[in-house]
Amino acid sequence: MTSLHSVETRINTILNLLGCAITNFAAIANRLSASRVSAALTGVSDFGPADGEYHLQVAQAMKSLADEYPVPIDWKQVSRVRSALDARRATSRPIPFAVLYVNGQLFKRVFQGQPEFTTSYRDCAALSDLMLASRAAKILDGMGLMGIRIVTITNEFRSEETLSKTLQDVGFTQQWGKKRKTGRARIGPAPPG
């Protein structure tokens, strides 16, 4: 069952605004079968994380295309719509974002007090600016992690909605990094309550 802020709900909202049928959307996205996309968007079986992000990006690109042109778009013209989206993608520039490398792996998030890592720019924490990345690196350093590097990525496409703008977006609580009476940085999740 999809939640109010799920990827599937957000895609459905966009498709309803555009007046685009799920079957046309599936054909435009051109990644999964129409029945699989329909199952996800009707709440039968949610998208996996990668498929959800991909389909949300396609829906957002379609909305951006529709907002740019003051005439209705016929979403049944799948090949024309795909061509228009491809042309826009080819001429658009990626939004720069910062990532943290820890011993050669990309930092993904903190989950239940433990850092998680990935090898994919699609799955890693994409931090919106270097100051935020620096704060995250200091906290990870305080957790005893070594070999931390901050790198700005300028050639990968990530939608703006997937950029982390706060430390909480990647699992750090407000308590992370605050000094305790012992002078040591807090390295676990915030206590309950």
N, C-alpha and C. Protein backbone atom coordinates (compact mmCIF):
# COMPACT_ATOMS: atom_id res chain seq x y z
N MET A 1 0.85 -1.18 0.00
CA MET A 1 0.00 0.00 0.00
C MET A 1 0.88 1.23 0.00
N THR A 2 0.58 2.18 -0.86
CA THR A 2 1.40 3.37 -1.00
C THR A 2 1.04 4.42 0.04
N SER A 3 2.06 5.11 0.55
CA SER A 3 1.83 6.17 1.53
C SER A 3 1.63 7.50 0.81
N LEU A 4 1.25 8.49 1.59
CA LEU A 4 0.94 9.81 1.04
C LEU A 4 2.15 10.44 0.34
N HIS A 5 3.36 10.15 0.82
CA HIS A 5 4.56 10.77 0.24
C HIS A 5 5.41 9.78 -0.53
N SER A 6 4.86 8.64 -0.87
CA SER A 6 5.63 7.63 -1.58
C SER A 6 5.91 8.08 -3.01
N VAL A 7 6.89 7.44 -3.62
CA VAL A 7 7.22 7.70 -5.02
C VAL A 7 6.01 7.47 -5.90
N GLU A 8 5.29 6.37 -5.62
CA GLU A 8 4.12 6.02 -6.44
C GLU A 8 3.04 7.10 -6.35
N THR A 9 2.80 7.62 -5.15
CA THR A 9 1.80 8.68 -4.98
C THR A 9 2.22 9.94 -5.72
N ARG A 10 3.50 10.26 -5.63
CA ARG A 10 4.00 11.46 -6.32
C ARG A 10 3.89 11.32 -7.84
N ILE A 11 4.19 10.12 -8.35
CA ILE A 11 4.06 9.89 -9.79
C ILE A 11 2.59 9.99 -10.20
N ASN A 12 1.70 9.36 -9.44
CA ASN A 12 0.26 9.43 -9.75
C ASN A 12 -0.24 10.87 -9.76
N THR A 13 0.22 11.68 -8.82
CA THR A 13 -0.19 13.08 -8.78
C THR A 13 0.21 13.79 -10.06
N ILE A 14 1.45 13.57 -10.49
CA ILE A 14 1.93 14.20 -11.72
C ILE A 14 1.14 13.71 -12.92
N LEU A 15 0.93 12.40 -13.03
CA LEU A 15 0.20 11.85 -14.17
C LEU A 15 -1.23 12.39 -14.23
N ASN A 16 -1.87 12.53 -13.07
CA ASN A 16 -3.22 13.10 -13.03
C ASN A 16 -3.23 14.55 -13.50
N LEU A 17 -2.22 15.31 -13.08
CA LEU A 17 -2.12 16.71 -13.53
C LEU A 17 -1.93 16.80 -15.04
N LEU A 18 -1.16 15.86 -15.57
CA LEU A 18 -0.86 15.86 -17.01
C LEU A 18 -1.96 15.24 -17.85
N GLY A 19 -2.84 14.46 -17.21
CA GLY A 19 -3.85 13.74 -17.97
C GLY A 19 -3.24 12.61 -18.79
N CYS A 20 -2.22 11.96 -18.22
CA CYS A 20 -1.51 10.89 -18.91
C CYS A 20 -1.91 9.55 -18.33
N ALA A 21 -2.30 8.62 -19.20
CA ALA A 21 -2.67 7.27 -18.77
C ALA A 21 -1.43 6.49 -18.34
N ILE A 22 -1.60 5.57 -17.41
CA ILE A 22 -0.49 4.76 -16.91
C ILE A 22 0.17 3.98 -18.05
N THR A 23 -0.63 3.46 -18.98
CA THR A 23 -0.04 2.68 -20.08
C THR A 23 0.86 3.56 -20.95
N ASN A 24 0.44 4.80 -21.20
CA ASN A 24 1.28 5.71 -21.98
C ASN A 24 2.54 6.07 -21.19
N PHE A 25 2.39 6.30 -19.89
CA PHE A 25 3.53 6.62 -19.05
C PHE A 25 4.54 5.47 -19.07
N ALA A 26 4.07 4.24 -18.95
CA ALA A 26 4.96 3.07 -18.97
C ALA A 26 5.72 3.00 -20.29
N ALA A 27 5.04 3.28 -21.37
CA ALA A 27 5.69 3.24 -22.69
C ALA A 27 6.71 4.37 -22.83
N ILE A 28 6.40 5.54 -22.28
CA ILE A 28 7.35 6.66 -22.34
C ILE A 28 8.57 6.36 -21.48
N ALA A 29 8.34 5.83 -20.27
CA ALA A 29 9.45 5.49 -19.37
C ALA A 29 10.32 4.38 -19.96
N ASN A 30 9.67 3.42 -20.61
CA ASN A 30 10.37 2.38 -21.37
C ASN A 30 11.37 1.58 -20.54
N ARG A 31 10.95 1.22 -19.34
CA ARG A 31 11.84 0.43 -18.48
C ARG A 31 11.19 -0.87 -18.01
N LEU A 32 9.94 -0.77 -17.57
CA LEU A 32 9.20 -1.93 -17.09
C LEU A 32 7.95 -2.12 -17.94
N SER A 33 7.34 -3.29 -17.85
CA SER A 33 6.12 -3.54 -18.61
C SER A 33 5.00 -2.65 -18.08
N ALA A 34 4.00 -2.44 -18.92
CA ALA A 34 2.85 -1.62 -18.52
C ALA A 34 2.13 -2.25 -17.33
N SER A 35 2.05 -3.59 -17.30
CA SER A 35 1.37 -4.24 -16.18
C SER A 35 2.15 -4.06 -14.88
N ARG A 36 3.48 -4.06 -14.94
CA ARG A 36 4.29 -3.85 -13.73
C ARG A 36 4.16 -2.41 -13.23
N VAL A 37 4.19 -1.46 -14.14
CA VAL A 37 4.03 -0.04 -13.77
C VAL A 37 2.63 0.17 -13.19
N SER A 38 1.64 -0.43 -13.80
CA SER A 38 0.26 -0.31 -13.31
C SER A 38 0.14 -0.90 -11.91
N ALA A 39 0.77 -2.05 -11.67
CA ALA A 39 0.72 -2.67 -10.35
C ALA A 39 1.33 -1.74 -9.29
N ALA A 40 2.41 -1.07 -9.63
CA ALA A 40 3.05 -0.15 -8.69
C ALA A 40 2.18 1.08 -8.44
N LEU A 41 1.61 1.63 -9.51
CA LEU A 41 0.86 2.88 -9.37
C LEU A 41 -0.56 2.69 -8.85
N THR A 42 -1.03 1.46 -8.80
CA THR A 42 -2.34 1.19 -8.21
C THR A 42 -2.23 0.60 -6.81
N GLY A 43 -0.99 0.50 -6.30
CA GLY A 43 -0.79 0.05 -4.93
C GLY A 43 -0.71 -1.45 -4.74
N VAL A 44 -0.67 -2.21 -5.82
CA VAL A 44 -0.60 -3.66 -5.70
C VAL A 44 0.80 -4.10 -5.29
N SER A 45 1.82 -3.54 -5.90
CA SER A 45 3.21 -3.92 -5.63
C SER A 45 4.11 -2.74 -5.94
N ASP A 46 4.63 -2.09 -4.90
CA ASP A 46 5.43 -0.88 -5.06
C ASP A 46 6.68 -1.12 -5.91
N PHE A 47 7.19 -0.03 -6.49
CA PHE A 47 8.46 -0.08 -7.20
C PHE A 47 9.58 -0.37 -6.22
N GLY A 48 10.65 -0.98 -6.71
CA GLY A 48 11.89 -1.04 -5.93
C GLY A 48 12.51 0.35 -5.93
N PRO A 49 13.50 0.62 -5.09
CA PRO A 49 14.07 1.96 -5.00
C PRO A 49 14.59 2.52 -6.32
N ALA A 50 15.35 1.74 -7.07
CA ALA A 50 15.92 2.23 -8.33
C ALA A 50 14.83 2.49 -9.37
N ASP A 51 13.88 1.56 -9.49
CA ASP A 51 12.79 1.76 -10.46
C ASP A 51 11.90 2.92 -10.05
N GLY A 52 11.68 3.07 -8.76
CA GLY A 52 10.86 4.19 -8.28
C GLY A 52 11.50 5.52 -8.60
N GLU A 53 12.81 5.65 -8.33
CA GLU A 53 13.51 6.90 -8.62
C GLU A 53 13.50 7.19 -10.12
N TYR A 54 13.75 6.15 -10.92
CA TYR A 54 13.76 6.33 -12.37
C TYR A 54 12.40 6.82 -12.87
N HIS A 55 11.33 6.16 -12.45
CA HIS A 55 9.99 6.53 -12.93
C HIS A 55 9.57 7.91 -12.42
N LEU A 56 9.99 8.26 -11.20
CA LEU A 56 9.69 9.60 -10.70
C LEU A 56 10.41 10.65 -11.53
N GLN A 57 11.66 10.39 -11.88
CA GLN A 57 12.41 11.33 -12.72
C GLN A 57 11.76 11.50 -14.09
N VAL A 58 11.25 10.41 -14.66
CA VAL A 58 10.57 10.50 -15.96
C VAL A 58 9.30 11.34 -15.81
N ALA A 59 8.52 11.09 -14.76
CA ALA A 59 7.28 11.85 -14.54
C ALA A 59 7.59 13.33 -14.34
N GLN A 60 8.64 13.64 -13.58
CA GLN A 60 9.02 15.03 -13.35
C GLN A 60 9.49 15.69 -14.65
N ALA A 61 10.20 14.95 -15.48
CA ALA A 61 10.64 15.47 -16.77
C ALA A 61 9.44 15.75 -17.67
N MET A 62 8.44 14.86 -17.62
CA MET A 62 7.21 15.07 -18.40
C MET A 62 6.48 16.33 -17.93
N LYS A 63 6.41 16.52 -16.62
CA LYS A 63 5.75 17.71 -16.08
C LYS A 63 6.50 18.97 -16.49
N SER A 64 7.82 18.92 -16.42
CA SER A 64 8.65 20.06 -16.83
C SER A 64 8.42 20.38 -18.31
N LEU A 65 8.34 19.35 -19.13
CA LEU A 65 8.08 19.53 -20.55
C LEU A 65 6.71 20.18 -20.76
N ALA A 66 5.69 19.70 -20.04
CA ALA A 66 4.34 20.25 -20.17
C ALA A 66 4.28 21.69 -19.68
N ASP A 67 5.02 22.00 -18.61
CA ASP A 67 5.03 23.37 -18.08
C ASP A 67 5.69 24.34 -19.05
N GLU A 68 6.63 23.84 -19.84
CA GLU A 68 7.38 24.69 -20.77
C GLU A 68 6.55 25.08 -21.99
N TYR A 69 5.62 24.22 -22.38
CA TYR A 69 4.82 24.49 -23.58
C TYR A 69 3.38 24.78 -23.19
N PRO A 70 2.82 25.88 -23.70
CA PRO A 70 1.46 26.29 -23.32
C PRO A 70 0.33 25.52 -24.02
N VAL A 71 0.68 24.50 -24.78
CA VAL A 71 -0.35 23.72 -25.47
C VAL A 71 -0.40 22.32 -24.87
N PRO A 72 -1.55 21.66 -24.90
CA PRO A 72 -1.63 20.30 -24.36
C PRO A 72 -0.75 19.34 -25.16
N ILE A 73 -0.15 18.41 -24.45
CA ILE A 73 0.69 17.40 -25.09
C ILE A 73 -0.10 16.10 -25.19
N ASP A 74 -0.04 15.48 -26.36
CA ASP A 74 -0.71 14.19 -26.55
C ASP A 74 0.25 13.09 -26.10
N TRP A 75 0.02 12.58 -24.89
CA TRP A 75 0.92 11.59 -24.30
C TRP A 75 0.83 10.24 -25.00
N LYS A 76 -0.16 10.07 -25.90
CA LYS A 76 -0.25 8.83 -26.68
C LYS A 76 0.83 8.77 -27.76
N GLN A 77 1.39 9.92 -28.10
CA GLN A 77 2.46 9.99 -29.10
C GLN A 77 3.80 9.66 -28.41
N VAL A 78 3.91 8.41 -28.01
CA VAL A 78 5.02 7.96 -27.16
C VAL A 78 6.38 8.28 -27.76
N SER A 79 6.60 7.97 -29.02
CA SER A 79 7.93 8.18 -29.61
C SER A 79 8.27 9.67 -29.68
N ARG A 80 7.28 10.50 -29.96
CA ARG A 80 7.54 11.95 -30.00
C ARG A 80 7.85 12.50 -28.61
N VAL A 81 7.10 12.03 -27.64
CA VAL A 81 7.34 12.49 -26.26
C VAL A 81 8.73 12.03 -25.81
N ARG A 82 9.06 10.77 -26.09
CA ARG A 82 10.38 10.26 -25.72
C ARG A 82 11.49 11.06 -26.38
N SER A 83 11.30 11.40 -27.65
CA SER A 83 12.31 12.19 -28.38
C SER A 83 12.47 13.57 -27.74
N ALA A 84 11.35 14.19 -27.38
CA ALA A 84 11.41 15.51 -26.74
C ALA A 84 12.12 15.43 -25.39
N LEU A 85 11.83 14.39 -24.61
CA LEU A 85 12.48 14.23 -23.30
C LEU A 85 13.98 13.95 -23.46
N ASP A 86 14.32 13.12 -24.45
CA ASP A 86 15.74 12.83 -24.70
C ASP A 86 16.50 14.09 -25.12
N ALA A 87 15.88 14.91 -25.95
CA ALA A 87 16.52 16.15 -26.40
C ALA A 87 16.74 17.09 -25.21
N ARG A 88 15.75 17.19 -24.33
CA ARG A 88 15.89 18.05 -23.16
C ARG A 88 17.00 17.53 -22.24
N ARG A 89 17.06 16.22 -22.06
CA ARG A 89 18.07 15.61 -21.20
C ARG A 89 19.47 15.86 -21.77
N ALA A 90 19.59 15.79 -23.09
CA ALA A 90 20.89 15.97 -23.73
C ALA A 90 21.40 17.40 -23.58
N THR A 91 20.49 18.36 -23.50
CA THR A 91 20.91 19.76 -23.42
C THR A 91 20.93 20.28 -21.99
N SER A 92 20.39 19.54 -21.04
CA SER A 92 20.39 20.01 -19.67
C SER A 92 21.72 19.66 -19.01
N ARG A 93 22.07 20.43 -18.01
CA ARG A 93 23.32 20.21 -17.29
C ARG A 93 23.02 19.55 -15.96
N PRO A 94 23.88 18.64 -15.54
CA PRO A 94 23.68 18.01 -14.23
C PRO A 94 23.85 19.03 -13.11
N ILE A 95 23.15 18.80 -12.01
CA ILE A 95 23.29 19.63 -10.82
C ILE A 95 24.46 19.08 -10.02
N PRO A 96 25.49 19.89 -9.73
CA PRO A 96 26.62 19.39 -8.94
C PRO A 96 26.17 19.00 -7.53
N PHE A 97 26.78 17.97 -7.00
CA PHE A 97 26.51 17.56 -5.62
C PHE A 97 27.79 16.97 -5.03
N ALA A 98 27.84 16.94 -3.71
CA ALA A 98 29.01 16.42 -3.01
C ALA A 98 28.72 15.00 -2.52
N VAL A 99 29.74 14.17 -2.56
CA VAL A 99 29.65 12.81 -2.02
C VAL A 99 30.81 12.61 -1.06
N LEU A 100 30.65 11.62 -0.19
CA LEU A 100 31.71 11.25 0.74
C LEU A 100 32.22 9.87 0.39
N TYR A 101 33.50 9.77 0.14
CA TYR A 101 34.15 8.48 -0.03
C TYR A 101 34.76 8.10 1.32
N VAL A 102 34.48 6.90 1.77
CA VAL A 102 35.07 6.38 2.99
C VAL A 102 35.77 5.08 2.62
N ASN A 103 37.09 5.12 2.64
CA ASN A 103 37.90 3.95 2.24
C ASN A 103 37.47 3.42 0.87
N GLY A 104 37.24 4.30 -0.06
CA GLY A 104 36.92 3.92 -1.43
C GLY A 104 35.48 3.59 -1.71
N GLN A 105 34.62 3.61 -0.68
CA GLN A 105 33.20 3.36 -0.89
C GLN A 105 32.41 4.64 -0.67
N LEU A 106 31.30 4.77 -1.36
CA LEU A 106 30.45 5.95 -1.23
C LEU A 106 29.55 5.83 -0.01
N PHE A 107 29.52 6.87 0.79
CA PHE A 107 28.62 6.91 1.95
C PHE A 107 27.18 7.01 1.46
N LYS A 108 26.30 6.18 2.03
CA LYS A 108 24.89 6.16 1.64
C LYS A 108 24.02 6.84 2.68
N ARG A 109 24.10 6.37 3.93
CA ARG A 109 23.29 6.94 5.00
C ARG A 109 23.70 6.29 6.32
N VAL A 110 23.13 6.81 7.40
CA VAL A 110 23.27 6.17 8.71
C VAL A 110 21.93 5.53 9.01
N PHE A 111 21.96 4.24 9.33
CA PHE A 111 20.75 3.50 9.64
C PHE A 111 20.97 2.78 10.94
N GLN A 112 20.11 3.04 11.90
CA GLN A 112 20.19 2.45 13.24
C GLN A 112 21.58 2.64 13.85
N GLY A 113 22.11 3.84 13.67
CA GLY A 113 23.39 4.20 14.26
C GLY A 113 24.62 3.71 13.52
N GLN A 114 24.45 3.01 12.40
CA GLN A 114 25.57 2.47 11.65
C GLN A 114 25.61 3.06 10.24
N PRO A 115 26.80 3.48 9.79
CA PRO A 115 26.89 4.01 8.42
C PRO A 115 26.74 2.89 7.40
N GLU A 116 26.07 3.20 6.29
CA GLU A 116 25.93 2.27 5.18
C GLU A 116 26.66 2.85 3.98
N PHE A 117 27.13 1.96 3.11
CA PHE A 117 27.92 2.38 1.96
C PHE A 117 27.38 1.72 0.69
N THR A 118 27.77 2.28 -0.46
CA THR A 118 27.36 1.76 -1.75
C THR A 118 28.48 2.03 -2.75
N THR A 119 28.32 1.52 -3.94
CA THR A 119 29.28 1.81 -5.01
C THR A 119 28.62 2.62 -6.12
N SER A 120 27.37 3.01 -5.93
CA SER A 120 26.60 3.66 -6.98
C SER A 120 26.33 5.14 -6.67
N TYR A 121 26.56 5.99 -7.65
CA TYR A 121 26.22 7.41 -7.50
C TYR A 121 24.70 7.60 -7.39
N ARG A 122 23.94 6.67 -7.90
CA ARG A 122 22.47 6.75 -7.82
C ARG A 122 21.97 6.51 -6.41
N ASP A 123 22.68 5.66 -5.65
CA ASP A 123 22.23 5.28 -4.31
C ASP A 123 22.92 6.03 -3.19
N CYS A 124 24.03 6.67 -3.48
CA CYS A 124 24.80 7.30 -2.41
C CYS A 124 24.12 8.59 -1.93
N ALA A 125 24.59 9.07 -0.78
CA ALA A 125 24.11 10.36 -0.27
C ALA A 125 24.65 11.44 -1.19
N ALA A 126 23.76 12.18 -1.82
CA ALA A 126 24.13 13.30 -2.68
C ALA A 126 23.87 14.56 -1.88
N LEU A 127 24.93 15.13 -1.34
CA LEU A 127 24.80 16.29 -0.45
C LEU A 127 24.79 17.57 -1.27
N SER A 128 23.89 18.46 -0.91
CA SER A 128 23.63 19.64 -1.73
C SER A 128 24.78 20.64 -1.78
N ASP A 129 25.66 20.65 -0.77
CA ASP A 129 26.78 21.60 -0.81
C ASP A 129 27.96 21.07 0.00
N LEU A 130 29.10 21.72 -0.19
CA LEU A 130 30.33 21.27 0.45
C LEU A 130 30.32 21.49 1.96
N MET A 131 29.65 22.51 2.45
CA MET A 131 29.58 22.75 3.89
C MET A 131 28.87 21.59 4.58
N LEU A 132 27.76 21.15 3.99
CA LEU A 132 27.01 20.03 4.55
C LEU A 132 27.86 18.76 4.49
N ALA A 133 28.56 18.56 3.40
CA ALA A 133 29.43 17.39 3.26
C ALA A 133 30.55 17.43 4.30
N SER A 134 31.09 18.60 4.56
CA SER A 134 32.15 18.75 5.55
C SER A 134 31.64 18.41 6.95
N ARG A 135 30.44 18.85 7.29
CA ARG A 135 29.85 18.53 8.59
C ARG A 135 29.62 17.02 8.72
N ALA A 136 29.13 16.40 7.65
CA ALA A 136 28.90 14.95 7.67
C ALA A 136 30.23 14.21 7.82
N ALA A 137 31.27 14.68 7.12
CA ALA A 137 32.59 14.04 7.21
C ALA A 137 33.14 14.12 8.62
N LYS A 138 32.95 15.25 9.29
CA LYS A 138 33.43 15.40 10.68
C LYS A 138 32.72 14.43 11.61
N ILE A 139 31.44 14.24 11.40
CA ILE A 139 30.69 13.29 12.24
C ILE A 139 31.18 11.87 11.98
N LEU A 140 31.36 11.52 10.71
CA LEU A 140 31.85 10.17 10.39
C LEU A 140 33.26 9.96 10.95
N ASP A 141 34.08 11.00 10.91
CA ASP A 141 35.41 10.93 11.49
C ASP A 141 35.31 10.68 13.00
N GLY A 142 34.36 11.35 13.65
CA GLY A 142 34.13 11.16 15.07
C GLY A 142 33.64 9.75 15.41
N MET A 143 33.10 9.07 14.41
CA MET A 143 32.66 7.68 14.60
C MET A 143 33.82 6.70 14.44
N GLY A 144 34.99 7.24 14.15
CA GLY A 144 36.17 6.39 14.01
C GLY A 144 36.44 5.92 12.60
N LEU A 145 35.70 6.42 11.62
CA LEU A 145 35.93 6.02 10.23
C LEU A 145 37.13 6.78 9.69
N MET A 146 37.92 6.12 8.87
CA MET A 146 39.14 6.72 8.34
C MET A 146 39.06 6.77 6.82
N GLY A 147 39.93 7.55 6.23
CA GLY A 147 40.01 7.64 4.78
C GLY A 147 38.81 8.33 4.16
N ILE A 148 38.35 9.42 4.79
CA ILE A 148 37.16 10.14 4.30
C ILE A 148 37.60 11.23 3.33
N ARG A 149 37.00 11.23 2.15
CA ARG A 149 37.25 12.26 1.14
C ARG A 149 35.93 12.86 0.70
N ILE A 150 35.91 14.16 0.48
CA ILE A 150 34.74 14.84 -0.07
C ILE A 150 35.04 15.13 -1.53
N VAL A 151 34.12 14.74 -2.41
CA VAL A 151 34.30 14.95 -3.84
C VAL A 151 33.04 15.60 -4.40
N THR A 152 33.22 16.62 -5.25
CA THR A 152 32.09 17.22 -5.94
C THR A 152 31.89 16.50 -7.27
N ILE A 153 30.67 16.04 -7.49
CA ILE A 153 30.32 15.32 -8.71
C ILE A 153 29.58 16.28 -9.64
N THR A 154 30.09 16.43 -10.85
CA THR A 154 29.49 17.38 -11.80
C THR A 154 28.99 16.73 -13.08
N ASN A 155 29.18 15.42 -13.22
CA ASN A 155 28.82 14.78 -14.49
C ASN A 155 27.77 13.69 -14.34
N GLU A 156 27.14 13.58 -13.18
CA GLU A 156 26.08 12.59 -12.96
C GLU A 156 24.75 13.32 -12.80
N PHE A 157 23.71 12.77 -13.39
CA PHE A 157 22.38 13.36 -13.27
C PHE A 157 21.68 12.81 -12.03
N ARG A 158 21.28 13.70 -11.15
CA ARG A 158 20.42 13.38 -10.00
C ARG A 158 19.38 14.48 -9.96
N SER A 159 18.12 14.11 -9.79
CA SER A 159 17.10 15.15 -9.71
C SER A 159 17.30 15.93 -8.42
N GLU A 160 16.91 17.17 -8.43
CA GLU A 160 17.10 18.04 -7.28
C GLU A 160 16.42 17.48 -6.04
N GLU A 161 15.32 16.78 -6.22
CA GLU A 161 14.58 16.21 -5.10
C GLU A 161 15.37 15.13 -4.38
N THR A 162 16.36 14.54 -5.04
CA THR A 162 17.14 13.48 -4.40
C THR A 162 18.38 14.00 -3.68
N LEU A 163 18.62 15.31 -3.75
CA LEU A 163 19.77 15.89 -3.05
C LEU A 163 19.43 16.08 -1.58
N SER A 164 20.36 15.72 -0.72
CA SER A 164 20.18 15.88 0.72
C SER A 164 20.57 17.31 1.11
N LYS A 165 19.65 17.99 1.78
CA LYS A 165 19.87 19.38 2.16
C LYS A 165 20.14 19.54 3.65
N THR A 166 19.94 18.46 4.42
CA THR A 166 20.21 18.47 5.85
C THR A 166 20.89 17.16 6.23
N LEU A 167 21.53 17.16 7.38
CA LEU A 167 22.14 15.92 7.87
C LEU A 167 21.09 14.88 8.20
N GLN A 168 19.91 15.32 8.61
CA GLN A 168 18.82 14.40 8.92
C GLN A 168 18.39 13.62 7.67
N ASP A 169 18.53 14.22 6.49
CA ASP A 169 18.14 13.54 5.24
C ASP A 169 18.91 12.24 5.02
N VAL A 170 20.12 12.15 5.60
CA VAL A 170 20.94 10.94 5.42
C VAL A 170 21.09 10.16 6.72
N GLY A 171 20.19 10.41 7.68
CA GLY A 171 20.13 9.57 8.87
C GLY A 171 20.80 10.10 10.11
N PHE A 172 21.48 11.24 10.03
CA PHE A 172 22.06 11.80 11.24
C PHE A 172 20.95 12.47 12.04
N THR A 173 20.97 12.30 13.35
CA THR A 173 19.98 12.98 14.19
C THR A 173 20.54 14.32 14.61
N GLN A 174 19.72 15.14 15.23
CA GLN A 174 20.18 16.46 15.68
C GLN A 174 21.24 16.31 16.76
N GLN A 175 21.28 15.18 17.43
CA GLN A 175 22.25 14.96 18.51
C GLN A 175 23.65 14.65 17.98
N TRP A 176 23.78 14.25 16.71
CA TRP A 176 25.08 13.86 16.18
C TRP A 176 26.01 15.06 16.22
N GLY A 177 27.19 14.81 16.67
CA GLY A 177 28.23 15.83 16.63
C GLY A 177 28.21 16.80 17.79
N LYS A 178 27.17 16.79 18.63
CA LYS A 178 27.15 17.68 19.78
C LYS A 178 28.07 17.10 20.85
N LYS A 179 28.73 17.98 21.55
CA LYS A 179 29.69 17.56 22.57
C LYS A 179 28.95 17.14 23.84
N ARG A 180 29.44 16.07 24.43
CA ARG A 180 28.94 15.65 25.74
C ARG A 180 29.89 16.22 26.79
N LYS A 181 29.56 16.04 28.05
CA LYS A 181 30.39 16.55 29.13
C LYS A 181 31.79 15.95 29.09
N THR A 182 31.92 14.77 28.51
CA THR A 182 33.23 14.12 28.42
C THR A 182 34.08 14.73 27.32
N GLY A 183 33.49 15.59 26.50
CA GLY A 183 34.21 16.23 25.42
C GLY A 183 34.25 15.39 24.15
N ARG A 184 33.65 14.22 24.17
CA ARG A 184 33.63 13.35 23.00
C ARG A 184 32.37 13.60 22.19
N ALA A 185 32.46 13.44 20.91
CA ALA A 185 31.27 13.60 20.05
C ALA A 185 30.36 12.40 20.22
N ARG A 186 29.08 12.64 20.20
CA ARG A 186 28.10 11.56 20.30
C ARG A 186 28.14 10.79 18.99
N ILE A 187 28.29 9.45 19.08
CA ILE A 187 28.42 8.66 17.84
C ILE A 187 27.26 7.69 17.65
N GLY A 188 26.27 7.76 18.44
CA GLY A 188 25.13 6.87 18.26
C GLY A 188 23.89 7.67 17.95
N PRO A 189 22.78 6.99 17.69
CA PRO A 189 21.53 7.71 17.44
C PRO A 189 21.06 8.40 18.71
N ALA A 190 20.19 9.37 18.53
CA ALA A 190 19.65 10.10 19.67
C ALA A 190 18.87 9.14 20.54
N PRO A 191 18.94 9.33 21.87
CA PRO A 191 18.17 8.45 22.74
C PRO A 191 16.68 8.65 22.52
N PRO A 192 15.86 7.59 22.75
CA PRO A 192 14.42 7.73 22.53
C PRO A 192 13.82 8.72 23.49
N GLY A 193 12.73 9.37 23.01
CA GLY A 193 11.96 10.27 23.85
C GLY A 193 12.62 11.54 23.97
